[in-house]
Amino acid sequence: MKFTATLAESTTGSYLLKITNKGTKACKVLGHPVVTFGDLDGQATERGEAPGIEDALRLEAGESAYAGLMGGVDDGTGKTVDSIAMTMNTESDLEQTPLKASTPGLYVSPDKNSVTAWVDNAEDALGS
């Protein structure tokens, strides 16, 4: 898997998250990604409903899924980080190695950063 985060809206610090299947076999993504912020404790809250297991996105080799990470406006209550880490939301007890992405200047405000569920296009990820 390849994971990237691209600044989508500079005034709100929102990022488009993209995960791409770099393998040779299909895989599935389900629900919301689990996003943590640099060396800060905690994670982004889930925004919106996640599809059920029967609606998991199937990614063939080379295909991508998207989620929107909604940033917060610098209100003086949080901290700025330069990277995030992402793991998959799963009920499996298998250990995951977090995928990391650069997010220069992402402002992390307590309880204001949220992430949408995985979808199959960037527009829906940012519009949720």
C-alpha atoms as a PDB file:
ATOM      1  CA  MET A   1       0.000   0.000   0.000  1.00  0.00           C
ATOM      2  CA  LYS A   2       1.077   3.552  -0.690  1.00  0.00           C
ATOM      3  CA  PHE A   3      -0.351   6.349   1.469  1.00  0.00           C
ATOM      4  CA  THR A   4      -0.299  10.077   0.656  1.00  0.00           C
ATOM      5  CA  ALA A   5      -1.819  13.211   2.168  1.00  0.00           C
ATOM      6  CA  THR A   6      -2.305  16.263  -0.053  1.00  0.00           C
ATOM      7  CA  LEU A   7      -3.340  19.695   1.224  1.00  0.00           C
ATOM      8  CA  ALA A   8      -6.844  20.292  -0.133  1.00  0.00           C
ATOM      9  CA  GLU A   9      -7.859  23.520   1.627  1.00  0.00           C
ATOM     10  CA  SER A  10      -5.194  25.746   3.137  1.00  0.00           C
ATOM     11  CA  THR A  11      -7.541  27.963   5.172  1.00  0.00           C
ATOM     12  CA  THR A  12      -8.938  24.996   7.123  1.00  0.00           C
ATOM     13  CA  GLY A  13      -5.905  22.720   6.942  1.00  0.00           C
ATOM     14  CA  SER A  14      -7.915  19.922   5.293  1.00  0.00           C
ATOM     15  CA  TYR A  15      -6.075  17.083   3.569  1.00  0.00           C
ATOM     16  CA  LEU A  16      -7.073  14.504   0.968  1.00  0.00           C
ATOM     17  CA  LEU A  17      -5.855  11.076   2.074  1.00  0.00           C
ATOM     18  CA  LYS A  18      -5.176   8.521  -0.637  1.00  0.00           C
ATOM     19  CA  ILE A  19      -4.287   4.869  -0.311  1.00  0.00           C
ATOM     20  CA  THR A  20      -3.236   2.894  -3.377  1.00  0.00           C
ATOM     21  CA  ASN A  21      -3.005  -0.869  -3.724  1.00  0.00           C
ATOM     22  CA  LYS A  22       0.596  -1.427  -4.885  1.00  0.00           C
ATOM     23  CA  GLY A  23       0.275  -5.213  -4.687  1.00  0.00           C
ATOM     24  CA  THR A  24      -0.646  -7.711  -7.374  1.00  0.00           C
ATOM     25  CA  LYS A  25      -3.845  -8.951  -5.699  1.00  0.00           C
ATOM     26  CA  ALA A  26      -7.080  -7.166  -4.847  1.00  0.00           C
ATOM     27  CA  CYS A  27      -7.663  -5.968  -1.285  1.00  0.00           C
ATOM     28  CA  LYS A  28     -10.525  -4.311   0.583  1.00  0.00           C
ATOM     29  CA  VAL A  29     -10.733  -1.135   2.635  1.00  0.00           C
ATOM     30  CA  LEU A  30     -13.528  -0.579   5.081  1.00  0.00           C
ATOM     31  CA  GLY A  31     -14.714   2.188   7.359  1.00  0.00           C
ATOM     32  CA  HIS A  32     -12.578   5.087   8.482  1.00  0.00           C
ATOM     33  CA  PRO A  33      -8.779   5.221   8.511  1.00  0.00           C
ATOM     34  CA  VAL A  34      -7.234   5.593  11.959  1.00  0.00           C
ATOM     35  CA  VAL A  35      -5.208   8.822  11.784  1.00  0.00           C
ATOM     36  CA  THR A  36      -2.749   9.937  14.464  1.00  0.00           C
ATOM     37  CA  PHE A  37      -0.837  13.212  14.528  1.00  0.00           C
ATOM     38  CA  GLY A  38       2.964  13.211  14.755  1.00  0.00           C
ATOM     39  CA  ASP A  39       4.024  12.580  18.349  1.00  0.00           C
ATOM     40  CA  LEU A  40       0.728  13.814  19.859  1.00  0.00           C
ATOM     41  CA  ASP A  41      -1.607  11.505  21.756  1.00  0.00           C
ATOM     42  CA  GLY A  42      -5.024  10.741  20.318  1.00  0.00           C
ATOM     43  CA  GLN A  43      -6.458  10.362  16.862  1.00  0.00           C
ATOM     44  CA  ALA A  44      -8.868  12.048  14.460  1.00  0.00           C
ATOM     45  CA  THR A  45     -12.522  11.429  15.249  1.00  0.00           C
ATOM     46  CA  GLU A  46     -14.654   9.573  12.715  1.00  0.00           C
ATOM     47  CA  ARG A  47     -16.869  11.848  10.641  1.00  0.00           C
ATOM     48  CA  GLY A  48     -20.061  10.502   9.078  1.00  0.00           C
ATOM     49  CA  GLU A  49     -21.305   6.964   8.707  1.00  0.00           C
ATOM     50  CA  ALA A  50     -19.102   4.138   7.484  1.00  0.00           C
ATOM     51  CA  PRO A  51     -20.478   1.568   5.054  1.00  0.00           C
ATOM     52  CA  GLY A  52     -21.082  -1.952   6.325  1.00  0.00           C
ATOM     53  CA  ILE A  53     -18.759  -4.857   5.629  1.00  0.00           C
ATOM     54  CA  GLU A  54     -20.823  -5.872   2.606  1.00  0.00           C
ATOM     55  CA  ASP A  55     -20.014  -2.465   1.075  1.00  0.00           C
ATOM     56  CA  ALA A  56     -16.239  -2.547   1.636  1.00  0.00           C
ATOM     57  CA  LEU A  57     -14.303  -0.990  -1.243  1.00  0.00           C
ATOM     58  CA  ARG A  58     -12.475  -3.556  -3.327  1.00  0.00           C
ATOM     59  CA  LEU A  59      -9.218  -2.202  -4.693  1.00  0.00           C
ATOM     60  CA  GLU A  60      -7.695  -4.033  -7.601  1.00  0.00           C
ATOM     61  CA  ALA A  61      -3.941  -3.672  -8.123  1.00  0.00           C
ATOM     62  CA  GLY A  62      -3.192  -0.012  -8.840  1.00  0.00           C
ATOM     63  CA  GLU A  63      -6.589   1.302  -7.667  1.00  0.00           C
ATOM     64  CA  SER A  64      -7.026   3.902  -4.910  1.00  0.00           C
ATOM     65  CA  ALA A  65      -9.435   4.899  -2.154  1.00  0.00           C
ATOM     66  CA  TYR A  66      -9.807   8.344  -0.593  1.00  0.00           C
ATOM     67  CA  ALA A  67     -10.734   9.920   2.746  1.00  0.00           C
ATOM     68  CA  GLY A  68     -10.885  13.521   3.906  1.00  0.00           C
ATOM     69  CA  LEU A  69      -8.942  14.686   6.960  1.00  0.00           C
ATOM     70  CA  MET A  70     -10.563  17.858   8.222  1.00  0.00           C
ATOM     71  CA  GLY A  71      -8.124  20.161   9.935  1.00  0.00           C
ATOM     72  CA  GLY A  72      -8.843  22.897  12.404  1.00  0.00           C
ATOM     73  CA  VAL A  73      -8.293  26.635  12.406  1.00  0.00           C
ATOM     74  CA  ASP A  74      -5.470  27.716  14.711  1.00  0.00           C
ATOM     75  CA  ASP A  75      -7.407  28.848  17.773  1.00  0.00           C
ATOM     76  CA  GLY A  76      -4.466  28.618  20.183  1.00  0.00           C
ATOM     77  CA  THR A  77      -5.692  25.456  21.927  1.00  0.00           C
ATOM     78  CA  GLY A  78      -3.745  22.894  19.902  1.00  0.00           C
ATOM     79  CA  LYS A  79      -0.393  22.214  18.266  1.00  0.00           C
ATOM     80  CA  THR A  80       1.055  22.079  14.781  1.00  0.00           C
ATOM     81  CA  VAL A  81       2.459  18.806  13.400  1.00  0.00           C
ATOM     82  CA  ASP A  82       4.365  18.033  10.221  1.00  0.00           C
ATOM     83  CA  SER A  83       3.255  14.431   9.719  1.00  0.00           C
ATOM     84  CA  ILE A  84       0.446  11.972  10.294  1.00  0.00           C
ATOM     85  CA  ALA A  85       0.323   8.194  10.512  1.00  0.00           C
ATOM     86  CA  MET A  86      -2.502   5.978   9.295  1.00  0.00           C
ATOM     87  CA  THR A  87      -3.578   2.429  10.038  1.00  0.00           C
ATOM     88  CA  MET A  88      -6.682   0.602   8.924  1.00  0.00           C
ATOM     89  CA  ASN A  89      -9.714   0.356  11.149  1.00  0.00           C
ATOM     90  CA  THR A  90     -10.048  -3.384  11.624  1.00  0.00           C
ATOM     91  CA  GLU A  91     -11.222  -5.909  14.173  1.00  0.00           C
ATOM     92  CA  SER A  92      -8.187  -8.060  13.459  1.00  0.00           C
ATOM     93  CA  ASP A  93      -5.560  -8.378  16.165  1.00  0.00           C
ATOM     94  CA  LEU A  94      -2.788  -8.444  13.564  1.00  0.00           C
ATOM     95  CA  GLU A  95      -0.184  -5.777  14.228  1.00  0.00           C
ATOM     96  CA  GLN A  96      -0.101  -3.032  11.618  1.00  0.00           C
ATOM     97  CA  THR A  97       2.845  -0.885  10.660  1.00  0.00           C
ATOM     98  CA  PRO A  98       1.516   2.680  10.410  1.00  0.00           C
ATOM     99  CA  LEU A  99       1.844   4.325   7.007  1.00  0.00           C
ATOM    100  CA  LYS A 100       3.193   7.867   7.318  1.00  0.00           C
ATOM    101  CA  ALA A 101       2.644  11.012   5.269  1.00  0.00           C
ATOM    102  CA  SER A 102       3.954  14.557   5.439  1.00  0.00           C
ATOM    103  CA  THR A 103       1.454  17.264   6.492  1.00  0.00           C
ATOM    104  CA  PRO A 104       3.506  20.454   6.934  1.00  0.00           C
ATOM    105  CA  GLY A 105       1.807  22.868   9.307  1.00  0.00           C
ATOM    106  CA  LEU A 106      -1.276  20.734  10.107  1.00  0.00           C
ATOM    107  CA  TYR A 107      -2.945  22.309  13.116  1.00  0.00           C
ATOM    108  CA  VAL A 108      -4.306  19.749  15.564  1.00  0.00           C
ATOM    109  CA  SER A 109      -7.006  21.197  17.781  1.00  0.00           C
ATOM    110  CA  PRO A 110      -8.567  19.116  20.571  1.00  0.00           C
ATOM    111  CA  ASP A 111     -11.705  17.346  19.299  1.00  0.00           C
ATOM    112  CA  LYS A 112     -11.849  19.347  16.058  1.00  0.00           C
ATOM    113  CA  ASN A 113      -9.902  17.124  13.645  1.00  0.00           C
ATOM    114  CA  SER A 114     -11.999  14.485  11.901  1.00  0.00           C
ATOM    115  CA  VAL A 115     -11.657  11.938   9.119  1.00  0.00           C
ATOM    116  CA  THR A 116     -14.244  10.611   6.671  1.00  0.00           C
ATOM    117  CA  ALA A 117     -14.735   6.974   5.681  1.00  0.00           C
ATOM    118  CA  TRP A 118     -12.903   5.574   2.663  1.00  0.00           C
ATOM    119  CA  VAL A 119     -14.680   6.276  -0.636  1.00  0.00           C
ATOM    120  CA  ASP A 120     -13.835   5.642  -4.279  1.00  0.00           C
ATOM    121  CA  ASN A 121     -13.326   9.279  -5.362  1.00  0.00           C
ATOM    122  CA  ALA A 122     -11.637  12.416  -4.070  1.00  0.00           C
ATOM    123  CA  GLU A 123     -14.665  14.714  -4.470  1.00  0.00           C
ATOM    124  CA  ASP A 124     -16.844  12.629  -2.145  1.00  0.00           C
ATOM    125  CA  ALA A 125     -14.010  12.288   0.373  1.00  0.00           C
ATOM    126  CA  LEU A 126     -13.713  16.046   0.747  1.00  0.00           C
ATOM    127  CA  GLY A 127     -17.417  16.761   0.496  1.00  0.00           C
ATOM    128  CA  SER A 128     -18.542  14.422   3.284  1.00  0.00           C
END
